[in-house]
Amino acid sequence: MTAPKTTSTTATPSTEIDAGSSSGSTLVSSQGRTVVADTVVSKIAGIATREVTGVYAVGGGASRVVGALRERIPGASINHSQGVSVEVGEKQAAVDLDIVAEYGVSITDLASGIRRNVIAAIERMTGLEVTEVNITVHDVHLDDEESNNDTGEEPKPSRVQ
């Protein structure tokens, strides 16, 4: 007969063994405890989100503006956790994502693909069970928007005076 698992701060690492992880790895064992920081999970989620075809950008309007400014600074690195919010417990994690989708992509299929990729990456790399991945689509990107702003073309003359 096995006793129910408890998560007590007074328990020694040798008495707590995580057998419920979906990937089979243990974060707590008789040899010690592994703690995964929130920033690690958010970076993994951000990178996994960007890997999915149909994601134009990760982050809402304000965070994308700050990210664009950061990229222009020489020597600055890309913030992989931009647009990602996570809650990490001892054995589980929940993820909230803000994205911009490419025009023409099925948003429901895109969301399913993102969830699949994010859950697989986090569970494989950390051993944490992902309980939910919430996705907010803030905008749809049109190819015309970027080409007009980057080519340096003069704006079309106003038809109204």
N, C-alpha and C. Protein backbone atom coordinates (compact mmCIF):
# COMPACT_ATOMS: atom_id res chain seq x y z
N MET A 1 0.84 -1.17 0.00
CA MET A 1 0.00 0.00 0.00
C MET A 1 0.89 1.24 0.00
N THR A 2 0.62 2.17 -0.87
CA THR A 2 1.42 3.39 -0.95
C THR A 2 0.64 4.54 -0.37
N ALA A 3 1.35 5.40 0.30
CA ALA A 3 0.72 6.59 0.88
C ALA A 3 0.57 7.63 -0.21
N PRO A 4 -0.44 8.50 -0.11
CA PRO A 4 -0.61 9.56 -1.11
C PRO A 4 0.57 10.52 -1.07
N LYS A 5 0.92 11.05 -2.25
CA LYS A 5 2.03 12.00 -2.34
C LYS A 5 1.65 13.30 -1.66
N THR A 6 2.58 13.86 -0.91
CA THR A 6 2.36 15.16 -0.29
C THR A 6 3.52 16.05 -0.67
N THR A 7 3.24 17.32 -0.72
CA THR A 7 4.30 18.28 -0.99
C THR A 7 4.43 19.17 0.22
N SER A 8 5.25 18.77 1.12
CA SER A 8 5.46 19.49 2.37
C SER A 8 6.86 20.07 2.34
N THR A 9 7.01 21.25 2.91
CA THR A 9 8.33 21.87 2.93
C THR A 9 9.24 21.19 3.93
N THR A 10 8.68 20.39 4.85
CA THR A 10 9.51 19.72 5.84
C THR A 10 9.97 18.35 5.37
N ALA A 11 9.44 17.87 4.26
CA ALA A 11 9.82 16.55 3.76
C ALA A 11 11.23 16.58 3.22
N THR A 12 11.96 15.50 3.42
CA THR A 12 13.32 15.43 2.89
C THR A 12 13.24 14.98 1.44
N PRO A 13 14.23 15.33 0.62
CA PRO A 13 14.20 14.94 -0.78
C PRO A 13 14.11 13.43 -0.99
N SER A 14 14.60 12.64 -0.06
CA SER A 14 14.57 11.19 -0.24
C SER A 14 13.17 10.61 -0.07
N THR A 15 12.26 11.36 0.55
CA THR A 15 10.91 10.83 0.73
C THR A 15 9.97 11.24 -0.38
N GLU A 16 10.34 12.21 -1.17
CA GLU A 16 9.47 12.69 -2.25
C GLU A 16 10.03 12.26 -3.59
N ILE A 17 9.27 11.49 -4.32
CA ILE A 17 9.69 11.08 -5.65
C ILE A 17 8.55 11.40 -6.61
N ASP A 18 8.87 12.13 -7.66
CA ASP A 18 7.85 12.52 -8.63
C ASP A 18 7.70 11.41 -9.66
N ALA A 19 6.64 10.63 -9.52
CA ALA A 19 6.39 9.57 -10.49
C ALA A 19 5.30 9.97 -11.46
N GLY A 20 4.73 11.16 -11.30
CA GLY A 20 3.61 11.56 -12.14
C GLY A 20 3.99 12.33 -13.37
N SER A 21 5.25 12.57 -13.60
CA SER A 21 5.66 13.33 -14.77
C SER A 21 5.40 12.55 -16.05
N SER A 22 4.86 13.24 -17.05
CA SER A 22 4.50 12.55 -18.28
C SER A 22 5.72 12.07 -19.07
N SER A 23 6.86 12.71 -18.91
CA SER A 23 8.03 12.30 -19.67
C SER A 23 8.85 11.24 -18.94
N GLY A 24 8.46 10.92 -17.70
CA GLY A 24 9.17 9.88 -16.98
C GLY A 24 10.37 10.39 -16.21
N SER A 25 10.78 11.62 -16.37
CA SER A 25 11.91 12.14 -15.63
C SER A 25 11.44 12.60 -14.25
N THR A 26 12.36 12.62 -13.31
CA THR A 26 12.00 13.03 -11.96
C THR A 26 12.66 14.36 -11.64
N LEU A 27 11.88 15.27 -11.10
CA LEU A 27 12.42 16.55 -10.66
C LEU A 27 12.86 16.45 -9.21
N VAL A 28 12.29 15.49 -8.47
CA VAL A 28 12.67 15.25 -7.10
C VAL A 28 12.97 13.76 -6.97
N SER A 29 14.15 13.46 -6.48
CA SER A 29 14.53 12.05 -6.32
C SER A 29 15.30 11.89 -5.02
N SER A 30 15.73 10.70 -4.76
CA SER A 30 16.50 10.45 -3.54
C SER A 30 17.88 11.11 -3.61
N GLN A 31 18.29 11.51 -4.80
CA GLN A 31 19.61 12.13 -4.96
C GLN A 31 19.57 13.65 -4.94
N GLY A 32 18.38 14.25 -4.95
CA GLY A 32 18.29 15.70 -4.90
C GLY A 32 17.06 16.21 -5.61
N ARG A 33 16.97 17.52 -5.68
CA ARG A 33 15.80 18.19 -6.24
C ARG A 33 16.24 19.12 -7.35
N THR A 34 15.48 19.16 -8.43
CA THR A 34 15.76 20.06 -9.55
C THR A 34 14.67 21.12 -9.59
N VAL A 35 15.06 22.38 -9.60
CA VAL A 35 14.11 23.49 -9.68
C VAL A 35 14.30 24.15 -11.04
N VAL A 36 13.21 24.30 -11.77
CA VAL A 36 13.24 24.95 -13.08
C VAL A 36 12.67 26.34 -12.93
N ALA A 37 13.45 27.36 -13.24
CA ALA A 37 13.03 28.76 -13.09
C ALA A 37 11.99 29.13 -14.13
N ASP A 38 11.16 30.11 -13.80
CA ASP A 38 10.13 30.61 -14.71
C ASP A 38 10.74 31.08 -16.03
N THR A 39 11.90 31.74 -15.96
CA THR A 39 12.51 32.28 -17.18
C THR A 39 12.92 31.17 -18.14
N VAL A 40 13.32 30.03 -17.61
CA VAL A 40 13.69 28.90 -18.46
C VAL A 40 12.47 28.41 -19.23
N VAL A 41 11.37 28.24 -18.53
CA VAL A 41 10.14 27.75 -19.16
C VAL A 41 9.62 28.77 -20.17
N SER A 42 9.70 30.06 -19.84
CA SER A 42 9.21 31.08 -20.79
C SER A 42 10.07 31.15 -22.04
N LYS A 43 11.38 30.98 -21.91
CA LYS A 43 12.24 30.96 -23.10
C LYS A 43 11.94 29.76 -23.98
N ILE A 44 11.77 28.60 -23.36
CA ILE A 44 11.45 27.40 -24.14
C ILE A 44 10.13 27.59 -24.88
N ALA A 45 9.13 28.14 -24.18
CA ALA A 45 7.82 28.37 -24.80
C ALA A 45 7.92 29.38 -25.94
N GLY A 46 8.69 30.45 -25.74
CA GLY A 46 8.84 31.47 -26.78
C GLY A 46 9.52 30.93 -28.03
N ILE A 47 10.58 30.16 -27.84
CA ILE A 47 11.28 29.58 -28.99
C ILE A 47 10.40 28.57 -29.71
N ALA A 48 9.70 27.72 -28.93
CA ALA A 48 8.81 26.72 -29.54
C ALA A 48 7.67 27.38 -30.30
N THR A 49 7.19 28.52 -29.83
CA THR A 49 6.12 29.24 -30.53
C THR A 49 6.62 29.80 -31.84
N ARG A 50 7.80 30.39 -31.83
CA ARG A 50 8.37 30.98 -33.05
C ARG A 50 8.68 29.94 -34.12
N GLU A 51 8.87 28.69 -33.72
CA GLU A 51 9.17 27.62 -34.68
C GLU A 51 7.96 27.24 -35.53
N VAL A 52 6.76 27.58 -35.09
CA VAL A 52 5.54 27.15 -35.79
C VAL A 52 5.30 28.06 -37.00
N THR A 53 5.09 27.45 -38.15
CA THR A 53 4.81 28.20 -39.37
C THR A 53 3.45 28.89 -39.23
N GLY A 54 3.41 30.17 -39.55
CA GLY A 54 2.17 30.93 -39.44
C GLY A 54 2.22 31.95 -38.31
N VAL A 55 3.23 31.85 -37.45
CA VAL A 55 3.43 32.84 -36.38
C VAL A 55 4.33 33.93 -36.95
N TYR A 56 3.81 35.14 -37.06
CA TYR A 56 4.62 36.24 -37.57
C TYR A 56 5.48 36.82 -36.46
N ALA A 57 4.87 37.02 -35.27
CA ALA A 57 5.61 37.59 -34.14
C ALA A 57 4.99 37.10 -32.84
N VAL A 58 5.78 37.16 -31.79
CA VAL A 58 5.30 36.81 -30.46
C VAL A 58 5.30 38.07 -29.62
N GLY A 59 4.17 38.35 -28.98
CA GLY A 59 4.04 39.53 -28.13
C GLY A 59 2.92 40.41 -28.63
N GLY A 60 2.37 41.20 -27.71
CA GLY A 60 1.35 42.18 -28.06
C GLY A 60 2.02 43.42 -28.62
N GLY A 61 1.25 44.45 -28.84
CA GLY A 61 1.76 45.67 -29.47
C GLY A 61 2.92 46.31 -28.73
N ALA A 62 2.75 46.58 -27.43
CA ALA A 62 3.78 47.29 -26.67
C ALA A 62 5.05 46.46 -26.53
N SER A 63 4.91 45.18 -26.26
CA SER A 63 6.11 44.36 -26.09
C SER A 63 6.86 44.19 -27.40
N ARG A 64 6.16 44.19 -28.53
CA ARG A 64 6.83 44.09 -29.82
C ARG A 64 7.59 45.37 -30.13
N VAL A 65 7.05 46.53 -29.74
CA VAL A 65 7.74 47.80 -29.97
C VAL A 65 9.03 47.84 -29.16
N VAL A 66 8.95 47.43 -27.90
CA VAL A 66 10.15 47.40 -27.06
C VAL A 66 11.16 46.41 -27.62
N GLY A 67 10.69 45.26 -28.09
CA GLY A 67 11.57 44.26 -28.68
C GLY A 67 12.25 44.78 -29.93
N ALA A 68 11.51 45.53 -30.76
CA ALA A 68 12.10 46.10 -31.98
C ALA A 68 13.18 47.11 -31.64
N LEU A 69 12.94 47.91 -30.60
CA LEU A 69 13.96 48.87 -30.17
C LEU A 69 15.19 48.16 -29.63
N ARG A 70 14.97 47.09 -28.87
CA ARG A 70 16.08 46.33 -28.30
C ARG A 70 16.95 45.72 -29.39
N GLU A 71 16.32 45.24 -30.47
CA GLU A 71 17.08 44.61 -31.55
C GLU A 71 17.98 45.60 -32.28
N ARG A 72 17.63 46.88 -32.24
CA ARG A 72 18.44 47.89 -32.93
C ARG A 72 19.67 48.30 -32.13
N ILE A 73 19.71 47.96 -30.85
CA ILE A 73 20.85 48.31 -30.02
C ILE A 73 21.98 47.32 -30.32
N PRO A 74 23.15 47.83 -30.67
CA PRO A 74 24.27 46.93 -30.97
C PRO A 74 24.63 46.07 -29.76
N GLY A 75 24.77 44.78 -30.00
CA GLY A 75 25.15 43.87 -28.93
C GLY A 75 24.00 43.34 -28.10
N ALA A 76 22.82 43.85 -28.31
CA ALA A 76 21.65 43.39 -27.54
C ALA A 76 21.17 42.05 -28.11
N SER A 77 20.66 41.24 -27.23
CA SER A 77 20.18 39.93 -27.67
C SER A 77 18.66 39.93 -27.80
N ILE A 78 18.15 38.96 -28.50
CA ILE A 78 16.71 38.83 -28.69
C ILE A 78 16.09 38.30 -27.40
N ASN A 79 14.98 38.88 -27.00
CA ASN A 79 14.26 38.43 -25.81
C ASN A 79 13.33 37.30 -26.23
N HIS A 80 13.73 36.06 -25.98
CA HIS A 80 12.94 34.91 -26.40
C HIS A 80 11.67 34.74 -25.59
N SER A 81 11.58 35.38 -24.43
CA SER A 81 10.39 35.22 -23.60
C SER A 81 9.40 36.38 -23.79
N GLN A 82 9.65 37.23 -24.76
CA GLN A 82 8.73 38.32 -25.06
C GLN A 82 7.37 37.76 -25.47
N GLY A 83 6.30 38.27 -24.87
CA GLY A 83 4.96 37.81 -25.20
C GLY A 83 4.59 36.50 -24.55
N VAL A 84 5.41 36.04 -23.60
CA VAL A 84 5.16 34.77 -22.93
C VAL A 84 5.05 35.03 -21.43
N SER A 85 4.01 34.47 -20.84
CA SER A 85 3.83 34.53 -19.39
C SER A 85 3.64 33.11 -18.90
N VAL A 86 4.32 32.75 -17.82
CA VAL A 86 4.23 31.37 -17.32
C VAL A 86 4.01 31.37 -15.81
N GLU A 87 3.40 30.30 -15.36
CA GLU A 87 3.34 29.99 -13.94
C GLU A 87 3.95 28.61 -13.80
N VAL A 88 4.95 28.49 -12.94
CA VAL A 88 5.65 27.23 -12.77
C VAL A 88 5.52 26.77 -11.33
N GLY A 89 5.04 25.56 -11.16
CA GLY A 89 4.97 24.94 -9.84
C GLY A 89 6.05 23.90 -9.71
N GLU A 90 5.90 23.02 -8.72
CA GLU A 90 6.90 21.98 -8.51
C GLU A 90 6.87 20.93 -9.60
N LYS A 91 5.67 20.64 -10.13
CA LYS A 91 5.53 19.57 -11.11
C LYS A 91 4.80 19.99 -12.37
N GLN A 92 4.19 21.18 -12.37
CA GLN A 92 3.36 21.61 -13.49
C GLN A 92 3.70 23.03 -13.91
N ALA A 93 3.31 23.34 -15.13
CA ALA A 93 3.49 24.69 -15.66
C ALA A 93 2.27 25.06 -16.50
N ALA A 94 1.92 26.34 -16.49
CA ALA A 94 0.86 26.89 -17.33
C ALA A 94 1.46 28.04 -18.13
N VAL A 95 1.07 28.16 -19.39
CA VAL A 95 1.68 29.13 -20.30
C VAL A 95 0.60 30.01 -20.94
N ASP A 96 0.86 31.32 -21.01
CA ASP A 96 0.02 32.27 -21.74
C ASP A 96 0.88 32.90 -22.82
N LEU A 97 0.38 32.90 -24.06
CA LEU A 97 1.13 33.43 -25.20
C LEU A 97 0.35 34.53 -25.89
N ASP A 98 1.05 35.57 -26.33
CA ASP A 98 0.48 36.64 -27.15
C ASP A 98 1.20 36.58 -28.49
N ILE A 99 0.42 36.45 -29.58
CA ILE A 99 1.04 36.31 -30.89
C ILE A 99 0.40 37.22 -31.93
N VAL A 100 1.10 37.36 -33.05
CA VAL A 100 0.57 37.95 -34.27
C VAL A 100 0.65 36.86 -35.33
N ALA A 101 -0.48 36.57 -35.94
CA ALA A 101 -0.54 35.51 -36.95
C ALA A 101 -0.32 36.10 -38.34
N GLU A 102 0.16 35.27 -39.25
CA GLU A 102 0.27 35.68 -40.64
C GLU A 102 -1.11 35.60 -41.28
N TYR A 103 -1.40 36.53 -42.18
CA TYR A 103 -2.69 36.54 -42.85
C TYR A 103 -2.85 35.28 -43.70
N GLY A 104 -4.04 34.71 -43.67
CA GLY A 104 -4.35 33.55 -44.50
C GLY A 104 -4.21 32.23 -43.77
N VAL A 105 -3.61 32.25 -42.59
CA VAL A 105 -3.41 31.02 -41.82
C VAL A 105 -4.66 30.77 -40.98
N SER A 106 -5.09 29.52 -40.91
CA SER A 106 -6.20 29.15 -40.04
C SER A 106 -5.76 29.33 -38.59
N ILE A 107 -6.41 30.23 -37.88
CA ILE A 107 -6.01 30.54 -36.52
C ILE A 107 -6.24 29.34 -35.60
N THR A 108 -7.29 28.58 -35.82
CA THR A 108 -7.51 27.40 -34.97
C THR A 108 -6.42 26.35 -35.20
N ASP A 109 -6.04 26.13 -36.46
CA ASP A 109 -4.95 25.19 -36.73
C ASP A 109 -3.62 25.71 -36.18
N LEU A 110 -3.41 27.02 -36.30
CA LEU A 110 -2.19 27.62 -35.78
C LEU A 110 -2.11 27.44 -34.27
N ALA A 111 -3.20 27.71 -33.58
CA ALA A 111 -3.23 27.56 -32.12
C ALA A 111 -2.98 26.11 -31.71
N SER A 112 -3.56 25.17 -32.43
CA SER A 112 -3.33 23.75 -32.13
C SER A 112 -1.86 23.38 -32.32
N GLY A 113 -1.27 23.86 -33.39
CA GLY A 113 0.15 23.59 -33.66
C GLY A 113 1.06 24.20 -32.61
N ILE A 114 0.74 25.43 -32.20
CA ILE A 114 1.53 26.08 -31.16
C ILE A 114 1.43 25.29 -29.86
N ARG A 115 0.20 24.93 -29.47
CA ARG A 115 0.02 24.16 -28.23
C ARG A 115 0.83 22.86 -28.27
N ARG A 116 0.71 22.14 -29.38
CA ARG A 116 1.42 20.87 -29.52
C ARG A 116 2.93 21.07 -29.37
N ASN A 117 3.48 22.06 -30.05
CA ASN A 117 4.92 22.31 -30.03
C ASN A 117 5.40 22.78 -28.66
N VAL A 118 4.66 23.69 -28.04
CA VAL A 118 5.05 24.24 -26.74
C VAL A 118 5.00 23.15 -25.67
N ILE A 119 3.92 22.38 -25.65
CA ILE A 119 3.78 21.33 -24.65
C ILE A 119 4.89 20.29 -24.81
N ALA A 120 5.14 19.87 -26.04
CA ALA A 120 6.18 18.86 -26.28
C ALA A 120 7.55 19.38 -25.84
N ALA A 121 7.88 20.62 -26.18
CA ALA A 121 9.19 21.18 -25.84
C ALA A 121 9.38 21.32 -24.33
N ILE A 122 8.39 21.87 -23.66
CA ILE A 122 8.52 22.07 -22.21
C ILE A 122 8.59 20.73 -21.47
N GLU A 123 7.69 19.81 -21.82
CA GLU A 123 7.69 18.52 -21.13
C GLU A 123 8.97 17.73 -21.40
N ARG A 124 9.47 17.80 -22.63
CA ARG A 124 10.69 17.06 -22.98
C ARG A 124 11.92 17.65 -22.28
N MET A 125 12.01 18.98 -22.25
CA MET A 125 13.22 19.61 -21.72
C MET A 125 13.23 19.76 -20.20
N THR A 126 12.05 19.92 -19.59
CA THR A 126 12.03 20.20 -18.16
C THR A 126 11.45 19.08 -17.32
N GLY A 127 10.64 18.22 -17.90
CA GLY A 127 9.97 17.19 -17.12
C GLY A 127 8.71 17.69 -16.43
N LEU A 128 8.38 18.97 -16.61
CA LEU A 128 7.16 19.52 -16.03
C LEU A 128 5.96 19.13 -16.87
N GLU A 129 4.83 18.90 -16.23
CA GLU A 129 3.59 18.65 -16.96
C GLU A 129 2.97 20.00 -17.29
N VAL A 130 2.63 20.23 -18.55
CA VAL A 130 2.00 21.48 -18.96
C VAL A 130 0.50 21.30 -18.85
N THR A 131 -0.11 22.10 -17.97
CA THR A 131 -1.55 21.96 -17.72
C THR A 131 -2.39 22.72 -18.75
N GLU A 132 -1.88 23.86 -19.24
CA GLU A 132 -2.63 24.62 -20.24
C GLU A 132 -1.70 25.56 -20.99
N VAL A 133 -2.09 25.84 -22.22
CA VAL A 133 -1.41 26.85 -23.04
C VAL A 133 -2.51 27.74 -23.61
N ASN A 134 -2.59 28.96 -23.09
CA ASN A 134 -3.59 29.93 -23.54
C ASN A 134 -2.94 30.85 -24.57
N ILE A 135 -3.63 31.07 -25.68
CA ILE A 135 -3.07 31.85 -26.78
C ILE A 135 -4.01 33.01 -27.09
N THR A 136 -3.45 34.22 -27.15
CA THR A 136 -4.20 35.40 -27.56
C THR A 136 -3.60 35.90 -28.86
N VAL A 137 -4.43 35.98 -29.90
CA VAL A 137 -3.98 36.50 -31.20
C VAL A 137 -4.32 37.99 -31.21
N HIS A 138 -3.29 38.82 -31.19
CA HIS A 138 -3.48 40.27 -31.11
C HIS A 138 -3.67 40.93 -32.47
N ASP A 139 -3.15 40.30 -33.52
CA ASP A 139 -3.21 40.95 -34.82
C ASP A 139 -2.95 39.91 -35.90
N VAL A 140 -3.24 40.30 -37.13
CA VAL A 140 -2.93 39.50 -38.30
C VAL A 140 -2.02 40.35 -39.18
N HIS A 141 -0.88 39.79 -39.56
CA HIS A 141 0.10 40.55 -40.34
C HIS A 141 -0.18 40.39 -41.83
N LEU A 142 -0.18 41.52 -42.52
CA LEU A 142 -0.30 41.54 -43.98
C LEU A 142 1.06 41.85 -44.56
N ASP A 143 1.44 41.18 -45.65
CA ASP A 143 2.73 41.42 -46.26
C ASP A 143 2.88 42.86 -46.75
N ASP A 144 1.79 43.49 -47.15
CA ASP A 144 1.83 44.87 -47.64
C ASP A 144 2.28 45.84 -46.57
N GLU A 145 1.93 45.59 -45.30
CA GLU A 145 2.28 46.50 -44.21
C GLU A 145 3.78 46.66 -44.09
N GLU A 146 4.50 45.56 -44.14
CA GLU A 146 5.94 45.60 -43.97
C GLU A 146 6.63 46.16 -45.21
N SER A 147 6.20 45.79 -46.41
CA SER A 147 6.89 46.21 -47.62
C SER A 147 6.76 47.72 -47.83
N ASN A 148 5.66 48.33 -47.45
CA ASN A 148 5.51 49.77 -47.61
C ASN A 148 6.39 50.53 -46.62
N ASN A 149 6.56 50.01 -45.43
CA ASN A 149 7.34 50.71 -44.42
C ASN A 149 8.83 50.54 -44.61
N ASP A 150 9.28 49.43 -45.16
CA ASP A 150 10.71 49.15 -45.25
C ASP A 150 11.35 49.61 -46.56
N THR A 151 10.59 49.83 -47.61
CA THR A 151 11.19 50.15 -48.90
C THR A 151 11.59 51.61 -49.01
N GLY A 152 11.12 52.44 -48.10
CA GLY A 152 11.47 53.85 -48.16
C GLY A 152 10.68 54.60 -49.22
N GLU A 153 9.65 53.99 -49.75
CA GLU A 153 8.83 54.67 -50.75
C GLU A 153 8.13 55.85 -50.10
N GLU A 154 7.91 56.85 -50.92
CA GLU A 154 7.15 57.98 -50.41
C GLU A 154 5.70 57.56 -50.30
N PRO A 155 5.03 58.07 -49.27
CA PRO A 155 3.62 57.71 -49.14
C PRO A 155 2.81 58.26 -50.31
N LYS A 156 1.76 57.56 -50.65
CA LYS A 156 0.91 58.01 -51.74
C LYS A 156 0.28 59.34 -51.36
N PRO A 157 0.12 60.22 -52.36
CA PRO A 157 -0.47 61.52 -52.05
C PRO A 157 -1.92 61.35 -51.61
N SER A 158 -2.32 62.19 -50.71
CA SER A 158 -3.68 62.13 -50.18
C SER A 158 -4.68 62.49 -51.27
N ARG A 159 -5.76 61.78 -51.32
CA ARG A 159 -6.80 62.08 -52.30
C ARG A 159 -7.71 63.19 -51.84
N VAL A 160 -7.57 63.57 -50.58
CA VAL A 160 -8.43 64.61 -50.00
C VAL A 160 -7.57 65.73 -49.48
N GLN A 161 -8.00 66.97 -49.74
CA GLN A 161 -7.24 68.11 -49.25
C GLN A 161 -8.02 68.89 -48.22
